[in-house]
Amino acid sequence: IVIYGGQDITKDVLGAIGQSGVIVPPVNTPPPSEVGYVDQTQIDALPKAKAAADAFAAARQQLGQEMNKELQGKSQADQATIVQQFNQKLKDEQTKDIQPINDMVEKAISQVARKHKLLLVVDMADRVYGGTDVTTDVVAALK
């Protein structure tokens, strides 16, 4: 998942994979990189993010219970309408609860990326090799 910026390096990666020989591991202190990464689990653990996720989960559960009650004894056409309304309410809840946090995180990542002159910032889970860890700076910017 590309969080900020981006350049398609698929061909380079496929070329590196297709080469014969041993892939050289990174040294202990690699040179500065134009690619950064963040540990999303640390961002998700922040109180603001956790509160937003909890609020959304509670709203989703409540809406699901309401939908299940409404679905009982309805025709398929009515059920389809009810499910569609549920999905819209769920989307509205997500916009209300989660989107402000996502916007804050994206803004913080963007600021940190500019500060470190990074072209791209990805989630650590999507990183295969190298990169500069900017998690600490992003977490600090969000506090």
Protein backbone atom coordinates (compact mmCIF):
# COMPACT_ATOMS: atom_id res chain seq x y z
CA ILE A 1 0.00 0.00 0.00
CA VAL A 2 1.46 3.34 -1.03
CA ILE A 3 0.76 5.95 1.61
CA TYR A 4 2.58 8.95 0.15
CA GLY A 5 4.09 9.55 -3.27
CA GLY A 6 5.15 6.70 -5.42
CA GLN A 7 7.01 5.36 -8.40
CA ASP A 8 6.32 1.99 -9.97
CA ILE A 9 9.33 -0.26 -9.32
CA THR A 10 7.63 -3.52 -10.22
CA LYS A 11 9.99 -4.22 -13.13
CA ASP A 12 13.05 -3.53 -10.96
CA VAL A 13 11.80 -5.90 -8.26
CA LEU A 14 10.95 -8.61 -10.78
CA GLY A 15 14.37 -8.16 -12.37
CA ALA A 16 16.10 -8.49 -9.00
CA ILE A 17 14.10 -11.60 -8.20
CA GLY A 18 14.91 -13.14 -11.56
CA GLN A 19 18.68 -12.68 -11.15
CA SER A 20 20.73 -15.66 -10.20
CA GLY A 21 23.01 -15.49 -7.20
CA VAL A 22 22.70 -14.41 -3.61
CA ILE A 23 20.82 -11.28 -2.64
CA VAL A 24 23.11 -9.13 -0.54
CA PRO A 25 21.59 -8.37 2.88
CA PRO A 26 21.52 -4.78 4.14
CA VAL A 27 24.39 -3.50 6.23
CA ASN A 28 23.81 -2.42 9.82
CA THR A 29 23.57 1.25 8.92
CA PRO A 30 22.31 1.62 5.36
CA PRO A 31 22.71 4.90 3.51
CA PRO A 32 19.81 7.36 3.59
CA SER A 33 16.88 6.24 1.50
CA GLU A 34 14.24 8.07 -0.50
CA VAL A 35 11.72 5.51 0.73
CA GLY A 36 10.33 5.56 4.25
CA TYR A 37 8.08 3.25 6.18
CA VAL A 38 5.80 3.47 9.19
CA ASP A 39 4.61 0.80 11.59
CA GLN A 40 0.83 1.12 11.29
CA THR A 41 0.33 -0.96 14.44
CA GLN A 42 2.01 1.77 16.50
CA ILE A 43 -0.23 4.40 14.93
CA ASP A 44 -3.32 2.26 15.54
CA ALA A 45 -2.31 1.94 19.21
CA LEU A 46 -2.44 5.72 19.79
CA PRO A 47 -5.33 6.77 22.05
CA LYS A 48 -7.04 8.89 19.36
CA ALA A 49 -6.91 6.10 16.79
CA LYS A 50 -8.03 3.47 19.28
CA ALA A 51 -10.96 5.63 20.44
CA ALA A 52 -12.07 6.20 16.84
CA ALA A 53 -11.82 2.48 16.02
CA ASP A 54 -13.77 1.59 19.17
CA ALA A 55 -16.49 4.15 18.37
CA PHE A 56 -16.82 2.79 14.84
CA ALA A 57 -16.93 -0.82 16.06
CA ALA A 58 -19.69 0.03 18.55
CA ALA A 59 -21.70 1.87 15.89
CA ARG A 60 -21.23 -1.02 13.46
CA GLN A 61 -22.45 -3.50 16.05
CA GLN A 62 -25.50 -1.38 16.92
CA LEU A 63 -26.38 -0.82 13.27
CA GLY A 64 -25.97 -4.53 12.58
CA GLN A 65 -28.38 -5.42 15.37
CA GLU A 66 -30.91 -2.88 14.10
CA MET A 67 -30.57 -4.22 10.56
CA ASN A 68 -31.07 -7.82 11.67
CA LYS A 69 -34.30 -6.86 13.46
CA GLU A 70 -35.56 -5.00 10.39
CA LEU A 71 -34.74 -7.88 8.03
CA GLN A 72 -36.98 -10.38 9.80
CA GLY A 73 -40.07 -11.24 7.80
CA LYS A 74 -39.26 -8.91 4.89
CA SER A 75 -39.32 -9.78 1.21
CA GLN A 76 -36.06 -10.08 -0.70
CA ALA A 77 -36.62 -6.70 -2.33
CA ASP A 78 -37.21 -5.07 1.05
CA GLN A 79 -34.19 -6.87 2.50
CA ALA A 80 -32.01 -5.56 -0.32
CA THR A 81 -33.20 -2.01 0.42
CA ILE A 82 -32.55 -2.44 4.14
CA VAL A 83 -29.05 -3.79 3.51
CA GLN A 84 -28.34 -0.89 1.16
CA GLN A 85 -29.50 1.59 3.82
CA PHE A 86 -27.36 -0.20 6.42
CA ASN A 87 -24.30 0.05 4.17
CA GLN A 88 -24.89 3.78 3.69
CA LYS A 89 -25.28 4.33 7.45
CA LEU A 90 -22.11 2.33 8.03
CA LYS A 91 -20.25 4.41 5.45
CA ASP A 92 -21.50 7.59 7.14
CA GLU A 93 -20.27 6.30 10.53
CA GLN A 94 -16.90 5.49 9.04
CA THR A 95 -16.66 8.98 7.59
CA LYS A 96 -17.57 10.46 10.97
CA ASP A 97 -15.36 8.26 13.17
CA ILE A 98 -12.43 7.00 11.12
CA GLN A 99 -11.86 9.53 8.34
CA PRO A 100 -10.66 12.38 10.62
CA ILE A 101 -8.00 10.07 12.08
CA ASN A 102 -6.97 8.87 8.61
CA ASP A 103 -6.66 12.49 7.48
CA MET A 104 -4.51 13.36 10.52
CA VAL A 105 -2.24 10.36 9.92
CA GLU A 106 -1.88 11.15 6.23
CA LYS A 107 -1.03 14.78 7.01
CA ALA A 108 1.55 13.76 9.64
CA ILE A 109 3.14 11.24 7.26
CA SER A 110 3.24 13.85 4.50
CA GLN A 111 4.96 16.39 6.79
CA VAL A 112 7.51 13.85 8.01
CA ALA A 113 8.15 12.70 4.42
CA ARG A 114 8.88 16.26 3.33
CA LYS A 115 11.12 16.82 6.36
CA HIS A 116 13.18 13.71 5.54
CA LYS A 117 13.03 14.36 1.77
CA LEU A 118 11.30 11.03 1.13
CA LEU A 119 9.60 10.29 -2.17
CA LEU A 120 7.54 7.43 -0.82
CA VAL A 121 6.28 6.20 2.57
CA VAL A 122 4.76 2.72 2.89
CA ASP A 123 3.43 0.60 5.72
CA MET A 124 6.14 -1.51 7.34
CA ALA A 125 4.08 -4.64 6.63
CA ASP A 126 4.42 -3.94 2.90
CA ARG A 127 8.18 -3.29 3.02
CA VAL A 128 10.38 -6.01 1.64
CA TYR A 129 13.83 -4.48 1.92
CA GLY A 130 15.48 -1.23 3.03
CA GLY A 131 13.88 2.10 3.66
CA THR A 132 13.98 4.63 6.47
CA ASP A 133 11.83 4.05 9.55
CA VAL A 134 9.90 7.27 10.24
CA THR A 135 7.40 5.76 12.68
CA THR A 136 8.76 7.64 15.70
CA ASP A 137 8.52 10.99 13.91
CA VAL A 138 4.98 10.28 12.69
CA VAL A 139 3.82 9.18 16.15
CA ALA A 140 5.37 12.33 17.65
CA ALA A 141 3.59 14.49 15.06
CA LEU A 142 0.27 12.87 15.98
CA LYS A 143 0.57 13.45 19.74
